[in-house]
């Protein structure tokens, strides 16, 4: 067996933080007007505007502004359009340089930024968590680790990119740039192996993409 063959056999997935740092360092999701760019999913008006509208409607449905934890805030193009509708908005991402950039660019009394690994670190308390196209990029083990922590939030709004039509849910992947779509799969957290238990599930938004590239679905979960 050659040395090259040995390297192939012993190669291990990158830690999730390193993989996501590479995404931003190498502009693997494209490039915009700033150093950090979280891709079309966070910038294309056809995807962003409907999402902003449904989340704003939800946030405005309360008698008093609630606290929100944006778990996977990316370049904050989404969050910057939402934090004014909250009592406190806590934005979290795994890439430290990205968080430092956001801290310099976006400042408000009700706005906080933290660099955390959602699968490993303690999550900030809030009334509602937003998790937008984050879980689709990570392994089943990391998804499960995050789900175990989400029970502290009364409301959770999750957005995922899934295939059109029928598909086998929850195929495992290596955490990083890609998603389960390459395996004709997508997450359904209520099915095995997760079997997530929620009090209520409410579909908020479904946006089909052109050329059979799947659907972006946003769902509200009430936990208690």
N, C-alpha and C. Protein backbone atom coordinates (compact mmCIF):
# COMPACT_ATOMS: atom_id res chain seq x y z
N UNK A 1 0.85 -1.20 0.00
CA UNK A 1 0.00 0.00 0.00
C UNK A 1 0.88 1.25 0.00
N UNK A 2 0.58 2.21 -0.83
CA UNK A 2 1.40 3.42 -0.95
C UNK A 2 1.10 4.38 0.19
N UNK A 3 1.99 5.35 0.36
CA UNK A 3 1.78 6.40 1.36
C UNK A 3 0.52 7.18 1.06
N UNK A 4 0.26 7.41 -0.23
CA UNK A 4 -0.94 8.14 -0.64
C UNK A 4 -2.19 7.39 -0.21
N UNK A 5 -2.18 6.05 -0.39
CA UNK A 5 -3.33 5.24 0.02
C UNK A 5 -3.54 5.32 1.53
N UNK A 6 -2.42 5.31 2.28
CA UNK A 6 -2.52 5.41 3.73
C UNK A 6 -3.13 6.73 4.16
N UNK A 7 -2.73 7.82 3.47
CA UNK A 7 -3.28 9.13 3.80
C UNK A 7 -4.78 9.18 3.55
N UNK A 8 -5.21 8.56 2.44
CA UNK A 8 -6.64 8.54 2.14
C UNK A 8 -7.42 7.80 3.23
N UNK A 9 -6.82 6.69 3.73
CA UNK A 9 -7.51 5.89 4.73
C UNK A 9 -7.57 6.59 6.09
N UNK A 10 -6.51 7.37 6.41
CA UNK A 10 -6.44 7.99 7.72
C UNK A 10 -7.01 9.40 7.76
N UNK A 11 -7.43 9.91 6.61
CA UNK A 11 -7.97 11.27 6.57
C UNK A 11 -9.23 11.37 7.41
N UNK A 12 -9.34 12.41 8.18
CA UNK A 12 -10.50 12.64 9.04
C UNK A 12 -11.17 13.95 8.65
N UNK A 13 -12.49 14.04 8.92
CA UNK A 13 -13.17 15.31 8.63
C UNK A 13 -12.57 16.45 9.45
N UNK A 14 -12.58 17.63 8.86
CA UNK A 14 -12.14 18.82 9.59
C UNK A 14 -13.10 19.08 10.74
N UNK A 15 -12.60 19.64 11.84
CA UNK A 15 -13.53 20.16 12.85
C UNK A 15 -14.46 21.18 12.21
N UNK A 16 -15.69 21.26 12.70
CA UNK A 16 -16.68 22.12 12.08
C UNK A 16 -16.23 23.58 12.03
N UNK A 17 -15.61 24.06 13.10
CA UNK A 17 -15.15 25.45 13.10
C UNK A 17 -14.16 25.70 11.97
N UNK A 18 -13.20 24.80 11.80
CA UNK A 18 -12.20 24.97 10.74
C UNK A 18 -12.86 24.91 9.36
N UNK A 19 -13.84 24.01 9.21
CA UNK A 19 -14.53 23.90 7.92
C UNK A 19 -15.28 25.18 7.58
N UNK A 20 -15.93 25.76 8.57
CA UNK A 20 -16.69 26.98 8.31
C UNK A 20 -15.78 28.19 8.13
N UNK A 21 -14.66 28.21 8.82
CA UNK A 21 -13.69 29.27 8.58
C UNK A 21 -13.18 29.22 7.14
N UNK A 22 -12.97 28.00 6.63
CA UNK A 22 -12.51 27.84 5.25
C UNK A 22 -13.56 28.36 4.28
N UNK A 23 -14.83 28.12 4.57
CA UNK A 23 -15.91 28.61 3.71
C UNK A 23 -15.79 30.12 3.51
N UNK A 24 -15.60 30.86 4.60
CA UNK A 24 -15.52 32.32 4.51
C UNK A 24 -14.18 32.79 3.97
N UNK A 25 -13.10 32.12 4.37
CA UNK A 25 -11.77 32.54 3.90
C UNK A 25 -11.63 32.39 2.39
N UNK A 26 -12.27 31.35 1.85
CA UNK A 26 -12.14 31.05 0.41
C UNK A 26 -13.38 31.43 -0.39
N UNK A 27 -14.31 32.14 0.23
CA UNK A 27 -15.54 32.59 -0.46
C UNK A 27 -16.27 31.43 -1.15
N UNK A 28 -16.40 30.32 -0.43
CA UNK A 28 -17.01 29.13 -1.03
C UNK A 28 -18.51 29.28 -1.24
N UNK A 29 -19.12 30.25 -0.58
CA UNK A 29 -20.54 30.54 -0.80
C UNK A 29 -20.72 31.79 -1.65
N UNK A 30 -19.66 32.22 -2.32
CA UNK A 30 -19.72 33.41 -3.14
C UNK A 30 -19.12 34.60 -2.41
N UNK A 31 -19.16 35.75 -3.05
CA UNK A 31 -18.59 36.95 -2.46
C UNK A 31 -19.55 38.12 -2.64
N UNK A 32 -19.54 39.03 -1.68
CA UNK A 32 -20.40 40.20 -1.75
C UNK A 32 -19.60 41.47 -1.58
N UNK A 33 -20.21 42.46 -0.98
CA UNK A 33 -19.56 43.75 -0.84
C UNK A 33 -18.69 43.83 0.41
N UNK A 34 -18.78 42.83 1.30
CA UNK A 34 -17.97 42.84 2.51
C UNK A 34 -17.06 41.62 2.54
N UNK A 35 -16.21 41.56 3.53
CA UNK A 35 -15.26 40.45 3.63
C UNK A 35 -15.97 39.11 3.80
N UNK A 36 -17.08 39.12 4.50
CA UNK A 36 -17.81 37.88 4.80
C UNK A 36 -19.12 37.86 4.03
N UNK A 37 -19.44 36.69 3.48
CA UNK A 37 -20.66 36.56 2.67
C UNK A 37 -21.24 35.18 2.91
N UNK A 38 -22.50 35.14 3.37
CA UNK A 38 -23.13 33.88 3.75
C UNK A 38 -23.93 33.23 2.65
N UNK A 39 -23.76 33.68 1.42
CA UNK A 39 -24.40 33.02 0.29
C UNK A 39 -25.74 33.61 -0.09
N UNK A 40 -26.27 33.12 -1.23
CA UNK A 40 -27.55 33.63 -1.74
C UNK A 40 -28.70 33.39 -0.78
N UNK A 41 -28.60 32.31 0.00
CA UNK A 41 -29.67 32.02 0.95
C UNK A 41 -29.88 33.13 1.96
N UNK A 42 -28.84 33.93 2.19
CA UNK A 42 -28.95 35.05 3.11
C UNK A 42 -29.05 36.41 2.40
N UNK A 43 -29.07 36.39 1.05
CA UNK A 43 -29.04 37.66 0.33
C UNK A 43 -30.04 37.77 -0.82
N UNK A 44 -30.41 36.67 -1.44
CA UNK A 44 -31.31 36.78 -2.59
C UNK A 44 -32.68 37.26 -2.12
N UNK A 45 -33.19 38.35 -2.70
CA UNK A 45 -34.47 38.91 -2.23
C UNK A 45 -35.62 37.91 -2.24
N UNK A 46 -35.65 37.00 -3.22
CA UNK A 46 -36.74 36.03 -3.28
C UNK A 46 -36.74 35.08 -2.09
N UNK A 47 -35.58 34.91 -1.46
CA UNK A 47 -35.46 34.04 -0.30
C UNK A 47 -35.51 34.82 1.00
N UNK A 48 -34.91 35.99 1.00
CA UNK A 48 -34.78 36.77 2.22
C UNK A 48 -36.06 37.51 2.58
N UNK A 49 -36.66 38.21 1.62
CA UNK A 49 -37.81 39.06 1.93
C UNK A 49 -39.00 38.31 2.51
N UNK A 50 -39.41 37.17 1.93
CA UNK A 50 -40.53 36.44 2.55
C UNK A 50 -40.21 35.96 3.96
N UNK A 51 -38.97 35.56 4.17
CA UNK A 51 -38.56 35.11 5.51
C UNK A 51 -38.65 36.24 6.51
N UNK A 52 -38.12 37.39 6.14
CA UNK A 52 -38.18 38.55 7.04
C UNK A 52 -39.62 38.88 7.39
N UNK A 53 -40.49 38.82 6.42
CA UNK A 53 -41.89 39.18 6.65
C UNK A 53 -42.56 38.22 7.64
N UNK A 54 -42.37 36.90 7.47
CA UNK A 54 -43.05 35.95 8.37
C UNK A 54 -42.47 36.02 9.78
N UNK A 55 -41.16 36.24 9.89
CA UNK A 55 -40.57 36.32 11.22
C UNK A 55 -40.97 37.62 11.90
N UNK A 56 -41.01 38.72 11.17
CA UNK A 56 -41.47 39.98 11.75
C UNK A 56 -42.92 39.86 12.22
N UNK A 57 -43.75 39.20 11.43
CA UNK A 57 -45.15 39.01 11.83
C UNK A 57 -45.22 38.23 13.14
N UNK A 58 -44.40 37.18 13.25
CA UNK A 58 -44.36 36.39 14.48
C UNK A 58 -43.89 37.24 15.66
N UNK A 59 -42.81 37.97 15.48
CA UNK A 59 -42.27 38.78 16.58
C UNK A 59 -43.26 39.87 17.01
N UNK A 60 -43.99 40.43 16.07
CA UNK A 60 -44.95 41.48 16.39
C UNK A 60 -46.26 40.96 16.95
N UNK A 61 -46.41 39.64 17.03
CA UNK A 61 -47.65 39.05 17.54
C UNK A 61 -47.72 39.05 19.06
N UNK A 62 -46.61 39.40 19.71
CA UNK A 62 -46.58 39.41 21.17
C UNK A 62 -46.92 40.80 21.71
N UNK A 63 -47.48 40.83 22.91
CA UNK A 63 -47.82 42.11 23.53
C UNK A 63 -46.59 42.95 23.83
N UNK A 64 -45.49 42.25 24.17
CA UNK A 64 -44.23 42.93 24.46
C UNK A 64 -43.12 42.27 23.66
N UNK A 65 -42.09 43.01 23.25
CA UNK A 65 -41.00 42.42 22.47
C UNK A 65 -40.33 41.27 23.23
N UNK A 66 -40.00 40.22 22.52
CA UNK A 66 -39.37 39.05 23.13
C UNK A 66 -37.87 39.05 22.85
N UNK A 67 -37.15 38.15 23.52
CA UNK A 67 -35.72 37.98 23.27
C UNK A 67 -35.51 36.88 22.24
N UNK A 68 -34.52 37.07 21.39
CA UNK A 68 -34.27 36.14 20.28
C UNK A 68 -32.79 35.76 20.27
N UNK A 69 -32.52 34.47 20.09
CA UNK A 69 -31.17 33.97 19.86
C UNK A 69 -31.07 33.51 18.41
N UNK A 70 -30.23 34.19 17.65
CA UNK A 70 -30.00 33.85 16.24
C UNK A 70 -28.81 32.90 16.21
N UNK A 71 -29.10 31.61 16.10
CA UNK A 71 -28.07 30.57 16.21
C UNK A 71 -27.53 30.22 14.83
N UNK A 72 -26.47 30.90 14.46
CA UNK A 72 -25.90 30.77 13.12
C UNK A 72 -26.21 32.01 12.32
N UNK A 73 -25.79 33.16 12.85
CA UNK A 73 -26.22 34.45 12.28
C UNK A 73 -25.49 34.80 10.98
N UNK A 74 -24.36 34.13 10.68
CA UNK A 74 -23.64 34.40 9.45
C UNK A 74 -23.25 35.86 9.34
N UNK A 75 -23.38 36.42 8.13
CA UNK A 75 -22.94 37.80 7.90
C UNK A 75 -23.93 38.85 8.39
N UNK A 76 -24.99 38.40 9.05
CA UNK A 76 -25.99 39.25 9.71
C UNK A 76 -26.85 40.05 8.75
N UNK A 77 -26.89 39.65 7.49
CA UNK A 77 -27.80 40.34 6.57
C UNK A 77 -29.26 40.09 6.92
N UNK A 78 -29.54 38.94 7.54
CA UNK A 78 -30.90 38.65 8.01
C UNK A 78 -31.16 39.35 9.34
N UNK A 79 -30.27 39.13 10.29
CA UNK A 79 -30.48 39.65 11.64
C UNK A 79 -30.61 41.16 11.70
N UNK A 80 -29.88 41.86 10.83
CA UNK A 80 -29.93 43.32 10.88
C UNK A 80 -31.32 43.85 10.54
N UNK A 81 -32.15 43.02 9.92
CA UNK A 81 -33.50 43.42 9.57
C UNK A 81 -34.54 42.97 10.60
N UNK A 82 -34.06 42.31 11.67
CA UNK A 82 -34.98 41.76 12.66
C UNK A 82 -34.77 42.28 14.07
N UNK A 83 -33.55 42.68 14.41
CA UNK A 83 -33.27 42.94 15.83
C UNK A 83 -34.07 44.11 16.39
N UNK A 84 -34.48 45.05 15.55
CA UNK A 84 -35.28 46.18 16.04
C UNK A 84 -36.66 45.76 16.54
N UNK A 85 -37.08 44.55 16.23
CA UNK A 85 -38.39 44.07 16.64
C UNK A 85 -38.31 43.18 17.89
N UNK A 86 -37.17 43.20 18.57
CA UNK A 86 -36.97 42.36 19.75
C UNK A 86 -36.56 43.19 20.96
N UNK A 87 -36.73 42.60 22.14
CA UNK A 87 -36.23 43.21 23.37
C UNK A 87 -34.72 43.06 23.44
N UNK A 88 -34.23 41.89 23.07
CA UNK A 88 -32.79 41.63 22.96
C UNK A 88 -32.57 40.62 21.85
N UNK A 89 -31.54 40.85 21.05
CA UNK A 89 -31.21 39.97 19.94
C UNK A 89 -29.78 39.49 20.14
N UNK A 90 -29.61 38.19 20.34
CA UNK A 90 -28.30 37.60 20.60
C UNK A 90 -27.89 36.80 19.37
N UNK A 91 -26.87 37.27 18.67
CA UNK A 91 -26.44 36.65 17.42
C UNK A 91 -25.19 35.82 17.65
N UNK A 92 -25.24 34.57 17.18
CA UNK A 92 -24.18 33.60 17.45
C UNK A 92 -23.68 32.99 16.15
N UNK A 93 -22.37 32.82 16.05
CA UNK A 93 -21.81 32.07 14.93
C UNK A 93 -20.52 31.40 15.39
N UNK A 94 -20.13 30.35 14.67
CA UNK A 94 -18.98 29.55 15.06
C UNK A 94 -17.65 30.17 14.65
N UNK A 95 -17.66 31.12 13.71
CA UNK A 95 -16.43 31.69 13.17
C UNK A 95 -16.07 32.96 13.93
N UNK A 96 -14.99 32.96 14.73
CA UNK A 96 -14.66 34.13 15.56
C UNK A 96 -14.43 35.41 14.75
N UNK A 97 -13.71 35.33 13.64
CA UNK A 97 -13.44 36.53 12.84
C UNK A 97 -14.73 37.14 12.32
N UNK A 98 -15.67 36.31 11.96
CA UNK A 98 -16.97 36.79 11.48
C UNK A 98 -17.70 37.53 12.59
N UNK A 99 -17.68 36.99 13.79
CA UNK A 99 -18.34 37.64 14.91
C UNK A 99 -17.67 38.97 15.24
N UNK A 100 -16.35 39.01 15.21
CA UNK A 100 -15.66 40.27 15.47
C UNK A 100 -16.03 41.32 14.43
N UNK A 101 -16.13 40.90 13.18
CA UNK A 101 -16.54 41.81 12.11
C UNK A 101 -17.95 42.35 12.37
N UNK A 102 -18.87 41.44 12.72
CA UNK A 102 -20.24 41.86 12.99
C UNK A 102 -20.32 42.82 14.18
N UNK A 103 -19.51 42.58 15.20
CA UNK A 103 -19.51 43.45 16.37
C UNK A 103 -19.10 44.88 16.00
N UNK A 104 -18.20 44.99 15.04
CA UNK A 104 -17.75 46.32 14.61
C UNK A 104 -18.77 46.99 13.70
N UNK A 105 -19.45 46.20 12.87
CA UNK A 105 -20.35 46.75 11.87
C UNK A 105 -21.75 47.06 12.41
N UNK A 106 -22.21 46.27 13.37
CA UNK A 106 -23.59 46.39 13.84
C UNK A 106 -23.59 46.59 15.36
N UNK A 107 -24.08 47.73 15.79
CA UNK A 107 -24.09 48.04 17.21
C UNK A 107 -25.43 48.65 17.60
N UNK A 108 -25.99 48.10 18.68
CA UNK A 108 -27.25 48.63 19.22
C UNK A 108 -27.36 48.18 20.67
N UNK A 109 -28.18 48.88 21.45
CA UNK A 109 -28.31 48.55 22.87
C UNK A 109 -28.87 47.16 23.10
N UNK A 110 -29.72 46.69 22.20
CA UNK A 110 -30.36 45.39 22.39
C UNK A 110 -29.70 44.28 21.56
N UNK A 111 -28.46 44.52 21.12
CA UNK A 111 -27.80 43.59 20.21
C UNK A 111 -26.49 43.08 20.81
N UNK A 112 -26.33 41.75 20.83
CA UNK A 112 -25.11 41.12 21.33
C UNK A 112 -24.63 40.06 20.34
N UNK A 113 -23.32 39.90 20.25
CA UNK A 113 -22.72 38.88 19.38
C UNK A 113 -21.80 37.98 20.20
N UNK A 114 -21.85 36.67 19.89
CA UNK A 114 -20.96 35.71 20.55
C UNK A 114 -20.49 34.67 19.53
N UNK A 115 -19.24 34.26 19.69
CA UNK A 115 -18.72 33.16 18.88
C UNK A 115 -18.83 31.87 19.69
N UNK A 116 -19.72 30.99 19.24
CA UNK A 116 -19.97 29.73 19.95
C UNK A 116 -20.11 28.59 18.95
N UNK A 117 -19.73 27.41 19.38
CA UNK A 117 -19.99 26.18 18.63
C UNK A 117 -21.31 25.63 19.16
N UNK A 118 -22.34 25.66 18.36
CA UNK A 118 -23.67 25.28 18.82
C UNK A 118 -23.72 23.86 19.36
N UNK A 119 -22.89 22.98 18.81
CA UNK A 119 -22.91 21.57 19.23
C UNK A 119 -22.13 21.33 20.52
N UNK A 120 -21.23 22.26 20.88
CA UNK A 120 -20.35 22.02 22.02
C UNK A 120 -20.57 22.99 23.18
N UNK A 121 -20.91 24.23 22.88
CA UNK A 121 -20.97 25.26 23.91
C UNK A 121 -22.39 25.44 24.44
N UNK A 122 -22.47 26.05 25.62
CA UNK A 122 -23.77 26.41 26.17
C UNK A 122 -24.40 27.50 25.31
N UNK A 123 -25.68 27.39 25.07
CA UNK A 123 -26.38 28.34 24.21
C UNK A 123 -27.00 29.45 25.06
N UNK A 124 -27.10 30.66 24.51
CA UNK A 124 -27.68 31.77 25.27
C UNK A 124 -29.18 31.58 25.46
N UNK A 125 -29.67 32.01 26.60
CA UNK A 125 -31.11 31.92 26.85
C UNK A 125 -31.85 32.99 26.08
N UNK A 126 -33.04 32.63 25.60
CA UNK A 126 -33.93 33.58 24.93
C UNK A 126 -35.32 32.97 24.88
N UNK A 127 -36.29 33.78 24.50
CA UNK A 127 -37.65 33.25 24.33
C UNK A 127 -37.75 32.42 23.05
N UNK A 128 -37.03 32.85 22.03
CA UNK A 128 -37.14 32.22 20.70
C UNK A 128 -35.76 32.05 20.09
N UNK A 129 -35.54 30.93 19.43
CA UNK A 129 -34.30 30.69 18.69
C UNK A 129 -34.61 30.66 17.20
N UNK A 130 -33.75 31.30 16.42
CA UNK A 130 -33.80 31.23 14.96
C UNK A 130 -32.62 30.39 14.49
N UNK A 131 -32.89 29.38 13.68
CA UNK A 131 -31.81 28.53 13.14
C UNK A 131 -32.06 28.42 11.65
N UNK A 132 -31.38 29.25 10.90
CA UNK A 132 -31.69 29.39 9.48
C UNK A 132 -30.59 28.75 8.62
N UNK A 133 -30.92 27.64 7.98
CA UNK A 133 -30.03 26.93 7.07
C UNK A 133 -28.66 26.68 7.71
N UNK A 134 -28.72 26.17 8.93
CA UNK A 134 -27.53 25.81 9.69
C UNK A 134 -27.42 24.29 9.83
N UNK A 135 -28.47 23.67 10.32
CA UNK A 135 -28.44 22.23 10.59
C UNK A 135 -28.18 21.42 9.32
N UNK A 136 -28.58 21.95 8.18
CA UNK A 136 -28.39 21.23 6.91
C UNK A 136 -26.92 21.01 6.57
N UNK A 137 -26.02 21.76 7.23
CA UNK A 137 -24.59 21.67 6.93
C UNK A 137 -23.81 20.78 7.89
N UNK A 138 -24.47 20.23 8.90
CA UNK A 138 -23.71 19.51 9.92
C UNK A 138 -24.17 18.06 10.07
N UNK A 139 -23.30 17.27 10.68
CA UNK A 139 -23.54 15.83 10.83
C UNK A 139 -24.72 15.55 11.75
N UNK A 140 -25.25 14.35 11.66
CA UNK A 140 -26.36 13.96 12.53
C UNK A 140 -25.98 14.04 14.00
N UNK A 141 -24.73 13.68 14.33
CA UNK A 141 -24.30 13.74 15.73
C UNK A 141 -24.35 15.17 16.25
N UNK A 142 -23.91 16.13 15.42
CA UNK A 142 -23.94 17.52 15.85
C UNK A 142 -25.37 18.06 15.89
N UNK A 143 -26.20 17.65 14.94
CA UNK A 143 -27.61 18.03 14.98
C UNK A 143 -28.24 17.57 16.29
N UNK A 144 -27.99 16.32 16.66
CA UNK A 144 -28.56 15.78 17.89
C UNK A 144 -28.08 16.55 19.11
N UNK A 145 -26.79 16.88 19.13
CA UNK A 145 -26.24 17.64 20.25
C UNK A 145 -26.94 18.99 20.40
N UNK A 146 -27.22 19.64 19.28
CA UNK A 146 -27.92 20.94 19.32
C UNK A 146 -29.36 20.76 19.75
N UNK A 147 -30.04 19.75 19.21
CA UNK A 147 -31.44 19.53 19.58
C UNK A 147 -31.59 19.31 21.08
N UNK A 148 -30.62 18.63 21.67
CA UNK A 148 -30.69 18.36 23.11
C UNK A 148 -30.68 19.64 23.93
N UNK A 149 -30.14 20.73 23.36
CA UNK A 149 -30.04 22.00 24.09
C UNK A 149 -31.20 22.95 23.81
N UNK A 150 -31.97 22.67 22.78
CA UNK A 150 -32.99 23.62 22.34
C UNK A 150 -34.23 23.63 23.22
N UNK A 151 -34.32 22.73 24.17
CA UNK A 151 -35.51 22.64 25.01
C UNK A 151 -35.67 23.86 25.92
N UNK A 152 -34.63 24.70 26.01
CA UNK A 152 -34.73 25.91 26.85
C UNK A 152 -35.52 27.01 26.15
N UNK A 153 -35.74 26.88 24.84
CA UNK A 153 -36.45 27.90 24.08
C UNK A 153 -37.92 27.51 23.94
N UNK A 154 -38.81 28.45 24.20
CA UNK A 154 -40.24 28.16 24.04
C UNK A 154 -40.60 28.06 22.57
N UNK A 155 -39.98 28.93 21.75
CA UNK A 155 -40.25 28.93 20.31
C UNK A 155 -38.94 28.75 19.54
N UNK A 156 -39.01 27.97 18.49
CA UNK A 156 -37.84 27.74 17.63
C UNK A 156 -38.30 27.82 16.19
N UNK A 157 -37.67 28.68 15.42
CA UNK A 157 -37.99 28.79 13.99
C UNK A 157 -36.79 28.26 13.21
N UNK A 158 -37.02 27.17 12.49
CA UNK A 158 -35.95 26.47 11.78
C UNK A 158 -36.20 26.53 10.28
N UNK A 159 -35.18 26.90 9.54
CA UNK A 159 -35.24 26.92 8.08
C UNK A 159 -34.25 25.91 7.52
N UNK A 160 -34.73 25.09 6.58
CA UNK A 160 -33.90 24.04 5.99
C UNK A 160 -34.12 23.95 4.49
N UNK A 161 -33.08 23.56 3.78
CA UNK A 161 -33.13 23.30 2.34
C UNK A 161 -33.33 21.80 2.15
N UNK A 162 -34.45 21.41 1.56
CA UNK A 162 -34.76 20.00 1.38
C UNK A 162 -35.07 19.73 -0.10
N UNK A 163 -34.99 18.45 -0.52
CA UNK A 163 -35.35 18.13 -1.90
C UNK A 163 -36.85 18.29 -2.15
N UNK A 164 -37.21 18.48 -3.41
CA UNK A 164 -38.61 18.47 -3.79
C UNK A 164 -39.11 17.02 -3.81
N UNK A 165 -40.39 16.83 -3.53
CA UNK A 165 -40.97 15.50 -3.60
C UNK A 165 -40.54 14.62 -2.45
N UNK A 166 -40.68 13.32 -2.63
CA UNK A 166 -40.34 12.38 -1.57
C UNK A 166 -38.83 12.17 -1.50
N UNK A 167 -38.34 11.92 -0.30
CA UNK A 167 -36.91 11.67 -0.12
C UNK A 167 -36.70 10.93 1.20
N UNK A 168 -35.55 10.31 1.33
CA UNK A 168 -35.18 9.64 2.57
C UNK A 168 -34.58 10.68 3.51
N UNK A 169 -35.20 10.83 4.65
CA UNK A 169 -34.79 11.88 5.59
C UNK A 169 -33.51 11.50 6.34
N UNK A 170 -32.77 12.54 6.71
CA UNK A 170 -31.73 12.45 7.75
C UNK A 170 -30.55 11.55 7.41
N UNK A 171 -30.20 11.48 6.12
CA UNK A 171 -28.94 10.80 5.80
C UNK A 171 -27.79 11.59 6.42
N UNK A 172 -26.81 10.89 6.95
CA UNK A 172 -25.72 11.55 7.64
C UNK A 172 -24.74 12.17 6.65
N UNK A 173 -24.09 13.25 7.07
CA UNK A 173 -23.07 13.90 6.25
C UNK A 173 -21.91 14.33 7.14
N UNK A 174 -20.82 14.71 6.51
CA UNK A 174 -19.70 15.33 7.21
C UNK A 174 -19.97 16.83 7.27
N UNK A 175 -19.81 17.43 8.43
CA UNK A 175 -20.07 18.85 8.60
C UNK A 175 -19.18 19.69 7.68
N UNK A 176 -19.77 20.73 7.10
CA UNK A 176 -18.99 21.59 6.22
C UNK A 176 -19.85 22.39 5.27
N UNK A 177 -19.31 22.69 4.11
CA UNK A 177 -19.97 23.54 3.13
C UNK A 177 -21.24 22.91 2.56
N UNK A 178 -21.19 21.60 2.33
CA UNK A 178 -22.27 20.92 1.62
C UNK A 178 -23.48 20.63 2.48
N UNK A 179 -24.51 20.07 1.84
CA UNK A 179 -25.75 19.70 2.53
C UNK A 179 -26.13 18.27 2.13
N UNK A 180 -27.26 17.81 2.66
CA UNK A 180 -27.75 16.48 2.35
C UNK A 180 -28.38 16.38 0.97
N UNK A 181 -28.56 17.49 0.30
CA UNK A 181 -29.19 17.45 -1.03
C UNK A 181 -28.38 16.59 -2.00
N UNK A 182 -27.07 16.56 -1.84
CA UNK A 182 -26.24 15.74 -2.72
C UNK A 182 -26.58 14.25 -2.57
N UNK A 183 -27.17 13.90 -1.44
CA UNK A 183 -27.59 12.52 -1.19
C UNK A 183 -29.09 12.36 -1.38
N UNK A 184 -29.73 13.36 -2.02
CA UNK A 184 -31.18 13.37 -2.18
C UNK A 184 -31.86 13.16 -0.83
N UNK A 185 -31.40 13.96 0.14
CA UNK A 185 -31.93 13.86 1.49
C UNK A 185 -32.04 15.25 2.09
N UNK A 186 -32.74 15.33 3.19
CA UNK A 186 -32.88 16.57 3.94
C UNK A 186 -33.31 16.23 5.35
N UNK A 187 -33.25 17.20 6.23
CA UNK A 187 -33.59 16.94 7.62
C UNK A 187 -35.10 16.95 7.85
N UNK A 188 -35.56 15.96 8.61
CA UNK A 188 -36.89 15.98 9.21
C UNK A 188 -36.67 15.61 10.67
N UNK A 189 -36.65 16.62 11.51
CA UNK A 189 -36.23 16.42 12.90
C UNK A 189 -37.19 15.57 13.71
N UNK A 190 -38.42 15.43 13.22
CA UNK A 190 -39.41 14.63 13.95
C UNK A 190 -39.28 13.14 13.64
N UNK A 191 -38.43 12.79 12.68
CA UNK A 191 -38.23 11.39 12.30
C UNK A 191 -36.91 10.87 12.85
N UNK A 192 -36.74 9.54 12.78
CA UNK A 192 -35.52 8.90 13.25
C UNK A 192 -34.34 9.41 12.43
N UNK A 193 -33.15 9.51 13.01
CA UNK A 193 -32.79 9.07 14.37
C UNK A 193 -33.06 10.10 15.45
N UNK A 194 -33.63 11.28 15.09
CA UNK A 194 -33.78 12.34 16.07
C UNK A 194 -35.05 12.19 16.90
N UNK A 195 -36.17 11.93 16.22
CA UNK A 195 -37.45 11.75 16.93
C UNK A 195 -37.70 12.90 17.91
N UNK A 196 -37.49 14.10 17.42
CA UNK A 196 -37.61 15.31 18.25
C UNK A 196 -39.05 15.47 18.72
N UNK A 197 -39.21 15.75 19.98
CA UNK A 197 -40.54 15.90 20.57
C UNK A 197 -40.85 17.39 20.74
N UNK A 198 -41.92 17.85 20.11
CA UNK A 198 -42.33 19.26 20.21
C UNK A 198 -43.81 19.30 20.60
N UNK A 199 -44.24 20.44 21.10
CA UNK A 199 -45.65 20.60 21.47
C UNK A 199 -46.49 20.92 20.25
N UNK A 200 -45.97 21.85 19.41
CA UNK A 200 -46.70 22.23 18.20
C UNK A 200 -45.72 22.44 17.06
N UNK A 201 -46.17 22.14 15.85
CA UNK A 201 -45.38 22.37 14.64
C UNK A 201 -46.24 23.17 13.66
N UNK A 202 -45.75 24.34 13.24
CA UNK A 202 -46.51 25.21 12.35
C UNK A 202 -45.67 25.60 11.15
N UNK A 203 -46.02 25.13 9.94
CA UNK A 203 -45.29 25.59 8.74
C UNK A 203 -45.50 27.09 8.53
N UNK A 204 -44.43 27.81 8.30
CA UNK A 204 -44.51 29.26 8.07
C UNK A 204 -44.27 29.65 6.63
N UNK A 205 -43.39 28.93 5.95
CA UNK A 205 -42.97 29.38 4.63
C UNK A 205 -42.37 28.22 3.86
N UNK A 206 -42.67 28.17 2.56
CA UNK A 206 -42.09 27.17 1.66
C UNK A 206 -41.79 27.85 0.33
N UNK A 207 -40.51 27.88 -0.04
CA UNK A 207 -40.08 28.58 -1.25
C UNK A 207 -39.41 27.58 -2.19
N UNK A 208 -40.09 27.18 -3.28
CA UNK A 208 -39.45 26.27 -4.25
C UNK A 208 -38.39 26.99 -5.06
N UNK A 209 -37.29 26.34 -5.30
CA UNK A 209 -36.21 26.91 -6.09
C UNK A 209 -36.31 26.46 -7.54
N UNK A 210 -35.76 27.23 -8.44
CA UNK A 210 -35.80 26.90 -9.86
C UNK A 210 -34.94 25.68 -10.17
N UNK A 211 -35.24 25.06 -11.31
CA UNK A 211 -34.44 23.96 -11.85
C UNK A 211 -34.34 22.78 -10.88
N UNK A 212 -35.46 22.50 -10.16
CA UNK A 212 -35.52 21.35 -9.26
C UNK A 212 -34.38 21.34 -8.24
N UNK A 213 -34.03 22.52 -7.75
CA UNK A 213 -32.95 22.61 -6.75
C UNK A 213 -33.46 22.52 -5.32
N UNK A 214 -34.70 22.06 -5.17
CA UNK A 214 -35.22 21.84 -3.83
C UNK A 214 -36.15 22.95 -3.36
N UNK A 215 -36.42 22.92 -2.06
CA UNK A 215 -37.35 23.85 -1.42
C UNK A 215 -36.70 24.37 -0.14
N UNK A 216 -36.88 25.66 0.12
CA UNK A 216 -36.47 26.24 1.39
C UNK A 216 -37.70 26.32 2.28
N UNK A 217 -37.71 25.56 3.36
CA UNK A 217 -38.89 25.50 4.23
C UNK A 217 -38.55 26.10 5.60
N UNK A 218 -39.50 26.86 6.12
CA UNK A 218 -39.35 27.47 7.44
C UNK A 218 -40.50 27.01 8.31
N UNK A 219 -40.17 26.51 9.50
CA UNK A 219 -41.16 25.92 10.39
C UNK A 219 -41.01 26.49 11.79
N UNK A 220 -42.14 26.80 12.41
CA UNK A 220 -42.17 27.25 13.80
C UNK A 220 -42.50 26.07 14.71
N UNK A 221 -41.67 25.86 15.70
CA UNK A 221 -41.92 24.82 16.70
C UNK A 221 -42.15 25.49 18.05
N UNK A 222 -43.21 25.06 18.72
CA UNK A 222 -43.46 25.47 20.10
C UNK A 222 -43.10 24.32 21.00
N UNK A 223 -42.23 24.57 21.98
CA UNK A 223 -41.68 23.48 22.79
C UNK A 223 -42.45 23.24 24.07
N UNK A 224 -43.05 24.29 24.62
CA UNK A 224 -43.82 24.13 25.88
C UNK A 224 -44.81 25.28 26.03
